[in-house]
Amino acid sequence: MEQQVQPGINKRLVIIGLIIGMFFSALEQTIVGTAMPTIIGELNGFSIFAWVTTAYMITSTVVIPIVGKMSDLYGRRFLYLLGTIIFIIGSALCGTAHSMEQLVLYRALQGIGGGMIMPLSQTIIGDIFTAEQRAKWQGIFGALFGLSSVIGPFIGGFIVDTISWHWIFLINVPFGLLSAILIFIGMKHEVVGTKEKVYIDYWGILALVPGLVLLLIWLTFGGDKFAWGSTQSIVMIVVAVVLLIAFGIIETKVKEPILDMSLFKNRVFATVNGLGFLIGLGMFGAIMFVPLFMQGILGVTPTQAGSTMTPMMISLIIASIIGGRLLLKFTFRTVLTVGMLITTGGFYLMSTMGLESSTMTAYAYMVIMGFGMGLVMPTLMIAIQNEFPKSRLGAVTSASTFFRSIGGTIGVTVLNVVMNQSLKDKMVDAAADEKNPMIQGVLEKLSDKTDALFGLLVKPDALKMPDQVKAPIIHTIENVWTSSFTTVFLTGLVFVGLGIFVALSVGNGRIKRDKEKEAEVQAQEQPIS
């Protein structure tokens, strides 16, 4: 199937529509956290509030590879509009939720739409621009994603304080409709290739979706809602693994697979997706603890802690734009390796943070991490899109987004487990070393209460004991928490450090002009005489 885009497409309208859609879809991932305390207070659902985020994450992740393949069959325009409509309906329903259970269900629906919008935005960029132009625009869209992360908490706080938490969802409705209208008009002349019979990989979908859902639920709630070694846990992970193995086998047998396993024969595709997975694994799992460190150890206010990511994301935005320009002069391997080296350096510096560190030191280290990530993130997408003809951009772009998303999901869970286990072990060790029986008893009681440990860092007066006893206990907790924070970043450093070697193995590829790429494809398709 050869997919073509008519020159009559109005690129200006399409770009504006994509910017609006992608911005609000990305914004939804950061804006909700600011409003959660208010939502919990009104809907009384503290026990399941984590599912407000988890439900969105699960549905948006599992839909990514499916929509990528479907867009190669049915075209980007139809599926982008469908995703936007689903996102709008989900947002409107979220804004009218009267219970936490309703909100979780509506967030799952909203996640389906968000999971369609994000990869399709990047795929459409790949469709309507040449390889040279693509580098610039992917850098801009990477910066746009970073910008949404910077201003999301501020917008969320403003809306909650001045209007109502409902409007953090309802605001998506008018802007989502505007995005859909612009894409509908701007891509009116899109033409997609046709087949005599379109084949949909239903068996692949039936294996992938429940397999991923079970895996993500197991990773999210294992060790919390159920013990890792419990029957429930074992059954869940075994079924998930069996389904995902079945998915891999199915994809090698069907005519139009969701995830074409033959793509992994391409060196750039395999290495870049491996790098994206490692970045998600290390980066997104570790940085979630930075605001907690800033508030609990460095003593900043909750508002200041919420804006901790701002310096990093500003640095990421700048580096994304610079990285897109550098790719016109250097190989993918060069830009990726430099970016990973800078990111790894930032990770190491973060692992050295301690009780004596200042907020400015933390911000400086975050800027270094952000700059490295800004060089890497858009390059991953550009490198993959550069390797394949436009008829396959939907599948390869969505695959790249999918692997990075899965890495981030697993990373958040794994490093959360590392943090909690480290806190417990170090508290037990601290209690064993303590000579004062009264202090020792308190430390032993707190050793398995990780939530209480952070609560005491923020509000030490909650510990009703004489100052001569309370002071050494709080000091011990600070030392334990800081040491565990270091352990988390050193663990993440392993994943990110491995990414350097993966980046070095990408090869000598660089941006090809579209004519060169098509000539290569035609040459490969020529019969051997």
Protein backbone atom coordinates (compact mmCIF):
# COMPACT_ATOMS: atom_id res chain seq x y z
CA MET A 1 0.00 0.00 0.00
CA GLU A 2 1.43 3.36 -1.00
CA GLN A 3 0.17 6.26 1.02
CA GLN A 4 0.22 9.69 -0.53
CA VAL A 5 -0.62 13.16 0.63
CA GLN A 6 -2.01 15.60 -1.93
CA PRO A 7 -0.12 18.90 -2.31
CA GLY A 8 -3.45 20.68 -1.76
CA ILE A 9 -3.24 20.15 2.02
CA ASN A 10 -3.29 23.45 3.91
CA LYS A 11 -0.18 23.02 6.06
CA ARG A 12 -0.84 26.16 8.09
CA LEU A 13 -4.27 25.00 9.24
CA VAL A 14 -2.98 21.50 9.92
CA ILE A 15 -0.05 22.75 12.00
CA ILE A 16 -2.28 25.05 14.08
CA GLY A 17 -4.75 22.20 14.59
CA LEU A 18 -1.99 19.79 15.63
CA ILE A 19 -0.43 22.31 18.01
CA ILE A 20 -3.77 22.90 19.75
CA GLY A 21 -4.63 19.20 19.94
CA MET A 22 -1.20 18.01 21.06
CA PHE A 23 -0.78 20.82 23.58
CA PHE A 24 -4.04 20.10 25.41
CA SER A 25 -3.53 16.33 25.21
CA ALA A 26 -0.05 16.72 26.76
CA LEU A 27 -1.35 19.30 29.24
CA GLU A 28 -3.83 16.76 30.58
CA GLN A 29 -0.95 14.62 31.84
CA THR A 30 0.31 17.33 34.21
CA ILE A 31 -2.67 19.54 34.99
CA VAL A 32 -4.67 16.89 36.89
CA GLY A 33 -2.09 16.39 39.65
CA THR A 34 -2.53 19.97 40.85
CA ALA A 35 -6.27 19.50 41.28
CA MET A 36 -6.22 16.06 42.92
CA PRO A 37 -6.31 17.26 46.57
CA THR A 38 -9.43 19.31 45.79
CA ILE A 39 -11.02 16.46 43.80
CA ILE A 40 -10.35 13.97 46.60
CA GLY A 41 -11.88 16.34 49.15
CA GLU A 42 -15.06 16.73 47.08
CA LEU A 43 -15.53 13.20 45.73
CA ASN A 44 -14.27 11.33 48.83
CA GLY A 45 -12.30 8.68 46.98
CA PHE A 46 -8.82 8.68 48.48
CA SER A 47 -8.52 4.87 48.40
CA ILE A 48 -8.74 4.73 44.58
CA PHE A 49 -7.52 8.20 43.58
CA ALA A 50 -4.33 6.72 42.01
CA TRP A 51 -6.56 5.14 39.37
CA VAL A 52 -7.42 8.60 38.04
CA THR A 53 -3.90 8.66 36.60
CA THR A 54 -3.47 4.91 36.09
CA ALA A 55 -6.67 4.51 34.06
CA TYR A 56 -5.58 7.24 31.63
CA MET A 57 -2.08 5.77 31.42
CA ILE A 58 -3.26 2.23 30.67
CA THR A 59 -5.75 3.09 27.94
CA SER A 60 -3.52 5.66 26.24
CA THR A 61 -0.60 3.21 26.20
CA VAL A 62 -2.42 0.19 24.79
CA VAL A 63 -4.09 2.16 22.00
CA ILE A 64 -0.82 3.60 20.60
CA PRO A 65 0.39 0.64 18.47
CA ILE A 66 -3.14 -0.13 17.32
CA VAL A 67 -3.88 3.36 16.04
CA GLY A 68 -0.48 3.52 14.35
CA LYS A 69 -1.22 0.52 12.18
CA MET A 70 -4.82 1.57 11.58
CA SER A 71 -3.66 4.99 10.36
CA ASP A 72 -1.57 3.32 7.66
CA LEU A 73 -4.73 1.53 6.49
CA TYR A 74 -7.40 4.22 6.88
CA GLY A 75 -5.43 7.47 6.86
CA ARG A 76 -4.39 9.88 9.58
CA ARG A 77 -7.24 12.37 9.17
CA PHE A 78 -10.11 10.02 10.03
CA LEU A 79 -8.38 8.52 13.07
CA TYR A 80 -7.11 11.89 14.35
CA LEU A 81 -10.64 13.29 14.19
CA LEU A 82 -12.00 10.15 15.89
CA GLY A 83 -9.38 10.42 18.62
CA THR A 84 -10.16 14.10 19.16
CA ILE A 85 -13.89 13.38 19.44
CA ILE A 86 -13.25 10.61 21.98
CA PHE A 87 -10.94 12.93 23.93
CA ILE A 88 -13.58 15.69 23.92
CA ILE A 89 -16.35 13.33 25.10
CA GLY A 90 -14.09 11.89 27.81
CA SER A 91 -13.12 15.39 28.97
CA ALA A 92 -16.73 16.55 29.11
CA LEU A 93 -17.72 13.48 31.12
CA CYS A 94 -14.79 13.97 33.52
CA GLY A 95 -15.99 17.52 34.15
CA THR A 96 -19.41 16.21 35.17
CA ALA A 97 -18.23 13.33 37.39
CA HIS A 98 -20.04 13.01 40.74
CA SER A 99 -17.94 10.20 42.21
CA MET A 100 -14.35 9.00 42.07
CA GLU A 101 -15.48 5.80 40.35
CA GLN A 102 -17.11 7.82 37.57
CA LEU A 103 -14.00 9.98 37.19
CA VAL A 104 -11.76 6.90 36.84
CA LEU A 105 -14.04 5.43 34.15
CA TYR A 106 -14.23 8.71 32.21
CA ARG A 107 -10.45 9.18 32.46
CA ALA A 108 -10.01 5.76 30.85
CA LEU A 109 -12.17 6.92 27.93
CA GLN A 110 -10.26 10.19 27.74
CA GLY A 111 -7.00 8.21 27.63
CA ILE A 112 -8.11 6.37 24.49
CA GLY A 113 -8.51 9.70 22.71
CA GLY A 114 -5.24 11.07 24.09
CA GLY A 115 -3.41 7.92 23.05
CA MET A 116 -4.66 8.42 19.49
CA ILE A 117 -3.85 12.14 19.27
CA MET A 118 -0.23 12.06 20.47
CA PRO A 119 1.35 9.61 17.97
CA LEU A 120 -0.85 10.72 15.07
CA SER A 121 0.29 14.33 15.53
CA GLN A 122 3.90 13.24 15.02
CA THR A 123 2.96 10.96 12.13
CA ILE A 124 1.13 13.75 10.29
CA ILE A 125 4.24 15.94 10.66
CA GLY A 126 6.19 13.14 9.01
CA ASP A 127 3.62 13.02 6.19
CA ILE A 128 3.38 16.66 5.23
CA PHE A 129 7.01 17.78 5.52
CA THR A 130 10.26 16.79 3.86
CA ALA A 131 13.00 15.13 5.89
CA GLU A 132 14.83 18.45 6.31
CA GLN A 133 11.69 20.31 7.44
CA ARG A 134 10.69 17.41 9.67
CA ALA A 135 13.73 17.84 11.91
CA LYS A 136 12.74 21.44 12.66
CA TRP A 137 9.07 20.70 13.30
CA GLN A 138 9.66 17.61 15.44
CA GLY A 139 11.99 19.75 17.56
CA ILE A 140 9.26 22.38 17.91
CA PHE A 141 6.66 19.76 18.86
CA GLY A 142 9.08 18.27 21.39
CA ALA A 143 9.46 21.76 22.85
CA LEU A 144 5.67 22.12 22.86
CA PHE A 145 5.34 18.95 24.92
CA GLY A 146 7.91 20.33 27.35
CA LEU A 147 6.06 23.64 27.57
CA SER A 148 2.84 21.87 28.51
CA SER A 149 4.69 20.16 31.36
CA VAL A 150 6.00 23.52 32.59
CA ILE A 151 2.75 25.45 32.63
CA GLY A 152 0.38 22.56 33.40
CA PRO A 153 0.65 22.85 37.21
CA PHE A 154 0.27 26.65 37.04
CA ILE A 155 -2.81 26.48 34.80
CA GLY A 156 -4.30 23.73 36.97
CA GLY A 157 -3.73 25.72 40.15
CA PHE A 158 -5.23 28.87 38.65
CA ILE A 159 -8.35 27.08 37.39
CA VAL A 160 -8.92 25.26 40.68
CA ASP A 161 -8.40 28.43 42.76
CA THR A 162 -10.49 30.78 40.62
CA ILE A 163 -13.17 28.63 38.97
CA SER A 164 -13.60 24.91 39.74
CA TRP A 165 -11.66 21.66 39.30
CA HIS A 166 -14.29 20.59 36.73
CA TRP A 167 -12.85 23.11 34.28
CA ILE A 168 -9.44 21.45 34.08
CA PHE A 169 -11.36 18.89 31.99
CA LEU A 170 -14.04 21.08 30.41
CA ILE A 171 -11.43 23.47 28.99
CA ASN A 172 -10.46 20.71 26.54
CA VAL A 173 -13.88 20.74 24.88
CA PRO A 174 -13.79 24.06 22.93
CA PHE A 175 -10.10 23.74 22.05
CA GLY A 176 -10.55 20.10 21.03
CA LEU A 177 -13.41 21.08 18.71
CA LEU A 178 -11.26 23.85 17.20
CA SER A 179 -8.42 21.39 16.59
CA ALA A 180 -10.80 18.91 14.93
CA ILE A 181 -12.30 21.59 12.66
CA LEU A 182 -8.86 22.82 11.54
CA ILE A 183 -7.65 19.26 10.77
CA PHE A 184 -10.93 18.46 8.99
CA ILE A 185 -10.54 21.47 6.70
CA GLY A 186 -6.76 21.45 6.38
CA MET A 187 -6.46 17.75 5.46
CA LYS A 188 -9.54 17.66 3.28
CA HIS A 189 -7.62 16.31 0.29
CA GLU A 190 -5.79 13.50 2.05
CA VAL A 191 -5.69 10.39 -0.12
CA VAL A 192 -4.78 6.99 1.30
CA GLY A 193 -3.84 3.82 -0.50
CA THR A 194 -6.49 1.13 -0.74
CA LYS A 195 -6.46 -2.63 -0.77
CA GLU A 196 -8.98 -5.01 -2.25
CA LYS A 197 -9.55 -6.24 1.27
CA VAL A 198 -8.49 -4.47 4.45
CA TYR A 199 -7.27 -6.87 7.13
CA ILE A 200 -7.51 -5.94 10.81
CA ASP A 201 -5.41 -7.87 13.30
CA TYR A 202 -8.19 -8.71 15.75
CA TRP A 203 -6.28 -11.59 17.37
CA GLY A 204 -3.30 -9.33 17.94
CA ILE A 205 -5.54 -6.73 19.58
CA LEU A 206 -7.18 -9.37 21.80
CA ALA A 207 -3.76 -10.57 22.98
CA LEU A 208 -2.07 -7.17 23.34
CA VAL A 209 -4.71 -5.17 25.19
CA PRO A 210 -5.46 -7.54 28.11
CA GLY A 211 -1.78 -8.55 28.30
CA LEU A 212 -0.62 -4.95 28.69
CA VAL A 213 -3.46 -4.02 31.02
CA LEU A 214 -2.63 -6.93 33.34
CA LEU A 215 1.10 -6.11 33.24
CA LEU A 216 0.52 -2.44 34.07
CA ILE A 217 -1.94 -3.24 36.85
CA TRP A 218 0.54 -5.77 38.30
CA LEU A 219 3.37 -3.23 38.19
CA THR A 220 1.22 -0.42 39.57
CA PHE A 221 -0.34 -2.23 42.53
CA GLY A 222 2.03 -5.12 43.25
CA GLY A 223 3.54 -4.84 46.71
CA ASP A 224 0.74 -2.45 47.71
CA LYS A 225 -2.74 -3.83 47.05
CA PHE A 226 -1.38 -7.40 46.96
CA ALA A 227 1.95 -9.02 47.88
CA TRP A 228 4.39 -9.73 45.05
CA GLY A 229 4.48 -13.41 45.99
CA SER A 230 0.71 -13.84 46.43
CA THR A 231 -1.37 -16.18 44.27
CA GLN A 232 -3.16 -13.17 42.78
CA SER A 233 0.16 -11.60 41.78
CA ILE A 234 1.59 -14.80 40.28
CA VAL A 235 -1.54 -15.57 38.27
CA MET A 236 -1.69 -11.99 36.99
CA ILE A 237 1.91 -11.84 35.77
CA VAL A 238 1.83 -15.36 34.28
CA VAL A 239 -1.32 -14.58 32.28
CA ALA A 240 0.16 -11.23 31.18
CA VAL A 241 3.41 -12.83 29.99
CA VAL A 242 1.56 -15.63 28.16
CA LEU A 243 -0.67 -13.12 26.37
CA LEU A 244 2.28 -10.89 25.37
CA ILE A 245 4.24 -13.91 24.08
CA ALA A 246 1.13 -14.96 22.16
CA PHE A 247 0.95 -11.43 20.73
CA GLY A 248 4.55 -11.69 19.51
CA ILE A 249 3.82 -15.03 17.81
CA ILE A 250 0.58 -13.76 16.26
CA GLU A 251 2.38 -10.73 14.81
CA THR A 252 4.74 -13.00 12.86
CA LYS A 253 1.82 -14.92 11.31
CA VAL A 254 -0.84 -12.37 10.30
CA LYS A 255 -0.96 -10.37 7.05
CA GLU A 256 -1.26 -6.89 8.56
CA PRO A 257 0.25 -7.01 12.09
CA ILE A 258 -0.25 -4.20 14.60
CA LEU A 259 3.46 -4.34 15.42
CA ASP A 260 5.40 -5.64 12.44
CA MET A 261 8.18 -7.75 13.92
CA SER A 262 10.16 -7.44 10.68
CA LEU A 263 10.74 -3.78 11.57
CA PHE A 264 13.23 -4.93 14.20
CA LYS A 265 15.48 -6.13 11.40
CA ASN A 266 16.16 -2.45 10.79
CA ARG A 267 19.09 -1.47 12.98
CA VAL A 268 17.92 2.10 13.59
CA PHE A 269 14.38 0.99 14.49
CA ALA A 270 15.60 -1.63 16.98
CA THR A 271 18.27 0.51 18.67
CA VAL A 272 16.26 3.73 18.83
CA ASN A 273 13.25 1.99 20.39
CA GLY A 274 15.57 0.26 22.85
CA LEU A 275 16.99 3.66 23.75
CA GLY A 276 13.50 5.15 24.14
CA PHE A 277 12.54 2.31 26.47
CA LEU A 278 15.65 2.84 28.64
CA ILE A 279 15.03 6.60 28.82
CA GLY A 280 11.47 6.04 29.97
CA LEU A 281 12.66 3.42 32.45
CA GLY A 282 15.28 5.61 34.12
CA MET A 283 14.18 9.18 33.54
CA PHE A 284 10.47 9.24 34.29
CA GLY A 285 10.77 6.92 37.26
CA ALA A 286 13.45 8.96 39.02
CA ILE A 287 12.37 12.56 38.48
CA MET A 288 9.02 12.03 40.20
CA PHE A 289 10.90 12.04 43.52
CA VAL A 290 12.56 15.41 42.94
CA PRO A 291 9.60 17.58 44.12
CA LEU A 292 9.38 15.40 47.25
CA PHE A 293 13.10 15.93 47.91
CA MET A 294 12.75 19.66 47.40
CA GLN A 295 9.85 19.92 49.86
CA GLY A 296 10.86 17.30 52.43
CA ILE A 297 14.64 17.81 52.56
CA LEU A 298 15.31 21.32 51.25
CA GLY A 299 12.20 22.77 52.90
CA VAL A 300 10.60 24.62 49.97
CA THR A 301 6.86 25.31 49.94
CA PRO A 302 4.42 22.94 48.16
CA THR A 303 3.93 25.53 45.40
CA GLN A 304 7.69 25.82 44.86
CA ALA A 305 8.03 22.03 44.91
CA GLY A 306 5.32 21.77 42.24
CA SER A 307 7.31 24.03 39.92
CA THR A 308 10.56 22.11 40.44
CA MET A 309 10.44 20.76 36.89
CA THR A 310 10.24 24.22 35.34
CA PRO A 311 14.02 24.78 34.93
CA MET A 312 14.45 21.29 33.49
CA MET A 313 11.60 21.67 31.00
CA ILE A 314 12.77 25.12 29.86
CA SER A 315 16.20 23.62 29.23
CA LEU A 316 14.53 20.71 27.40
CA ILE A 317 12.60 23.12 25.17
CA ILE A 318 15.75 25.01 24.19
CA ALA A 319 17.71 21.81 23.54
CA SER A 320 14.85 20.34 21.45
CA ILE A 321 15.01 23.27 19.07
CA ILE A 322 18.82 23.18 18.96
CA GLY A 323 18.79 19.40 18.43
CA GLY A 324 16.52 19.68 15.41
CA ARG A 325 19.05 22.06 13.81
CA LEU A 326 22.06 19.93 14.71
CA LEU A 327 20.57 16.94 12.90
CA LEU A 328 20.95 18.77 9.61
CA LYS A 329 24.74 18.69 10.13
CA PHE A 330 25.52 15.65 12.29
CA THR A 331 24.58 11.96 12.39
CA PHE A 332 21.82 10.64 14.63
CA ARG A 333 24.43 8.70 16.61
CA THR A 334 26.40 11.86 17.38
CA VAL A 335 23.42 13.86 18.65
CA LEU A 336 21.96 10.91 20.60
CA THR A 337 25.28 10.02 22.23
CA VAL A 338 26.02 13.62 23.26
CA GLY A 339 22.48 13.93 24.64
CA MET A 340 22.76 10.69 26.61
CA LEU A 341 26.17 11.66 28.02
CA ILE A 342 24.76 14.98 29.26
CA THR A 343 21.67 13.26 30.69
CA THR A 344 23.82 10.65 32.46
CA GLY A 345 25.98 13.42 33.92
CA GLY A 346 22.86 15.15 35.21
CA PHE A 347 21.66 11.90 36.78
CA TYR A 348 24.96 11.41 38.56
CA LEU A 349 24.91 14.99 39.87
CA MET A 350 21.37 14.49 41.18
CA SER A 351 22.51 11.38 43.04
CA THR A 352 24.99 13.55 44.99
CA MET A 353 22.25 15.76 46.45
CA GLY A 354 22.23 15.81 50.25
CA LEU A 355 21.08 17.64 53.35
CA GLU A 356 23.46 20.52 52.66
CA SER A 357 22.39 21.02 49.03
CA SER A 358 20.68 24.25 48.00
CA THR A 359 17.65 24.76 45.77
CA MET A 360 19.84 26.51 43.20
CA THR A 361 22.10 23.45 43.06
CA ALA A 362 19.08 21.23 42.43
CA TYR A 363 17.83 23.55 39.69
CA ALA A 364 21.28 23.60 38.02
CA TYR A 365 21.44 19.79 37.96
CA MET A 366 17.88 19.60 36.57
CA VAL A 367 18.83 22.02 33.79
CA ILE A 368 21.69 19.71 32.79
CA MET A 369 19.36 16.69 32.69
CA GLY A 370 16.77 18.62 30.72
CA PHE A 371 19.27 19.77 28.12
CA GLY A 372 20.45 16.22 27.51
CA MET A 373 16.88 14.95 27.19
CA GLY A 374 16.02 17.80 24.82
CA LEU A 375 18.73 16.63 22.42
CA VAL A 376 17.58 13.01 22.62
CA MET A 377 13.77 13.04 22.54
CA PRO A 378 13.06 14.61 19.11
CA THR A 379 16.05 12.81 17.57
CA LEU A 380 14.52 9.44 18.45
CA MET A 381 11.42 10.21 16.40
CA ILE A 382 13.26 11.84 13.51
CA ALA A 383 15.72 8.93 13.21
CA ILE A 384 12.93 6.35 12.96
CA GLN A 385 10.82 8.36 10.53
CA ASN A 386 13.90 8.91 8.40
CA GLU A 387 14.34 5.17 7.85
CA PHE A 388 10.95 4.34 6.35
CA PRO A 389 8.72 5.52 3.49
CA LYS A 390 5.66 7.61 4.32
CA SER A 391 3.36 4.61 3.83
CA ARG A 392 4.79 3.08 7.04
CA LEU A 393 5.15 6.17 9.20
CA GLY A 394 2.01 5.43 11.21
CA ALA A 395 3.27 2.06 12.41
CA VAL A 396 6.87 3.09 13.12
CA THR A 397 5.99 6.39 14.81
CA SER A 398 3.44 4.77 17.10
CA ALA A 399 5.88 1.97 17.91
CA SER A 400 8.43 4.54 19.06
CA THR A 401 5.89 6.32 21.26
CA PHE A 402 4.67 2.98 22.58
CA PHE A 403 8.08 1.71 23.74
CA ARG A 404 8.93 5.01 25.44
CA SER A 405 5.54 5.04 27.18
CA ILE A 406 5.93 1.45 28.39
CA GLY A 407 9.43 2.25 29.64
CA GLY A 408 8.11 5.21 31.61
CA THR A 409 5.26 3.21 33.09
CA ILE A 410 7.55 0.40 34.22
CA GLY A 411 10.19 2.88 35.40
CA VAL A 412 7.78 4.75 37.67
CA THR A 413 6.72 1.50 39.28
CA VAL A 414 10.16 -0.12 39.57
CA LEU A 415 11.87 2.95 41.05
CA ASN A 416 8.96 3.48 43.43
CA VAL A 417 9.54 -0.05 44.70
CA VAL A 418 13.28 0.71 44.97
CA MET A 419 12.54 3.86 46.99
CA ASN A 420 10.13 2.17 49.40
CA GLN A 421 12.35 -0.86 49.94
CA SER A 422 15.41 1.32 50.46
CA LEU A 423 13.56 3.40 53.06
CA LYS A 424 12.48 0.29 54.96
CA ASP A 425 15.96 -1.31 54.91
CA LYS A 426 17.77 1.86 55.93
CA MET A 427 15.28 2.59 58.73
CA VAL A 428 15.81 -0.92 60.10
CA ASP A 429 19.59 -0.40 59.97
CA ALA A 430 19.29 3.01 61.65
CA ALA A 431 17.14 1.54 64.42
CA ALA A 432 19.65 -1.29 64.97
CA ASP A 433 22.50 1.23 65.34
CA GLU A 434 20.60 3.49 67.75
CA LYS A 435 21.72 3.31 71.42
CA ASN A 436 18.81 5.22 72.98
CA PRO A 437 15.97 2.68 73.63
CA MET A 438 13.20 5.28 73.26
CA ILE A 439 14.49 6.58 69.91
CA GLN A 440 15.17 3.03 68.76
CA GLY A 441 11.57 2.01 69.48
CA VAL A 442 10.17 4.93 67.45
CA LEU A 443 12.47 4.20 64.50
CA GLU A 444 11.43 0.54 64.52
CA LYS A 445 7.73 1.48 64.46
CA LEU A 446 8.30 3.87 61.56
CA SER A 447 10.47 1.50 59.51
CA ASP A 448 7.61 0.13 57.37
CA LYS A 449 5.54 3.34 57.25
CA THR A 450 7.04 5.14 54.25
CA ASP A 451 4.13 7.57 53.89
CA ALA A 452 4.53 8.60 57.52
CA LEU A 453 8.26 9.21 57.01
CA PHE A 454 7.63 11.84 54.35
CA GLY A 455 4.82 13.33 56.40
CA LEU A 456 7.19 13.85 59.33
CA LEU A 457 9.74 15.53 57.06
CA VAL A 458 7.14 18.08 56.00
CA LYS A 459 5.44 18.44 59.39
CA PRO A 460 7.88 17.35 62.13
CA ASP A 461 5.59 18.81 64.82
CA ALA A 462 3.24 15.89 64.14
CA LEU A 463 5.66 13.79 66.17
CA LYS A 464 4.48 14.52 69.74
CA MET A 465 7.66 13.92 71.69
CA PRO A 466 10.15 16.03 73.68
CA ASP A 467 12.55 18.01 71.48
CA GLN A 468 15.59 16.14 72.75
CA VAL A 469 14.04 12.91 71.41
CA LYS A 470 12.24 14.31 68.36
CA ALA A 471 15.28 16.14 66.92
CA PRO A 472 17.49 13.04 66.48
CA ILE A 473 14.55 11.06 65.08
CA ILE A 474 13.81 13.70 62.43
CA HIS A 475 17.53 13.97 61.63
CA THR A 476 17.70 10.19 61.15
CA ILE A 477 14.65 10.24 58.86
CA GLU A 478 16.23 13.04 56.79
CA ASN A 479 19.43 11.02 56.40
CA VAL A 480 17.52 7.85 55.48
CA TRP A 481 15.28 9.64 53.00
CA THR A 482 18.24 11.41 51.35
CA SER A 483 20.19 8.16 51.11
CA SER A 484 17.20 6.41 49.53
CA PHE A 485 16.81 9.28 47.06
CA THR A 486 20.46 8.71 46.07
CA THR A 487 19.75 4.98 45.63
CA VAL A 488 16.86 5.76 43.27
CA PHE A 489 18.98 8.03 41.08
CA LEU A 490 21.88 5.59 41.03
CA THR A 491 19.44 2.88 39.91
CA GLY A 492 18.08 5.17 37.22
CA LEU A 493 21.68 6.01 36.30
CA VAL A 494 22.24 2.36 35.37
CA PHE A 495 19.37 2.44 32.86
CA VAL A 496 20.35 5.83 31.42
CA GLY A 497 24.02 4.82 31.30
CA LEU A 498 23.12 1.73 29.26
CA GLY A 499 21.45 4.14 26.87
CA ILE A 500 24.86 5.60 25.97
CA PHE A 501 25.99 2.25 24.57
CA VAL A 502 22.69 1.80 22.72
CA ALA A 503 23.08 5.29 21.21
CA LEU A 504 26.59 4.40 20.01
CA SER A 505 25.17 1.38 18.17
CA VAL A 506 22.60 3.36 16.15
CA GLY A 507 24.94 3.54 13.14
CA ASN A 508 26.05 6.33 10.84
CA GLY A 509 22.60 7.31 9.59
CA ARG A 510 21.68 10.92 9.06
CA ILE A 511 18.76 12.81 7.58
CA LYS A 512 18.02 11.69 4.03
CA ARG A 513 16.19 13.82 1.56
CA ASP A 514 12.85 12.29 0.63
CA LYS A 515 13.95 11.72 -2.97
CA GLU A 516 16.96 9.74 -1.77
CA LYS A 517 14.78 7.65 0.51
CA GLU A 518 12.24 6.84 -2.20
CA ALA A 519 15.05 5.91 -4.58
CA GLU A 520 16.43 3.48 -1.99
CA VAL A 521 12.98 1.92 -1.51
CA GLN A 522 12.50 1.52 -5.27
CA ALA A 523 15.94 -0.04 -5.62
CA GLN A 524 15.15 -2.56 -2.91
CA GLU A 525 11.89 -3.46 -4.63
CA GLN A 526 13.56 -4.07 -8.03
CA PRO A 527 13.66 -7.77 -8.96
CA ILE A 528 17.13 -9.30 -9.16
CA SER A 529 17.97 -10.20 -12.75
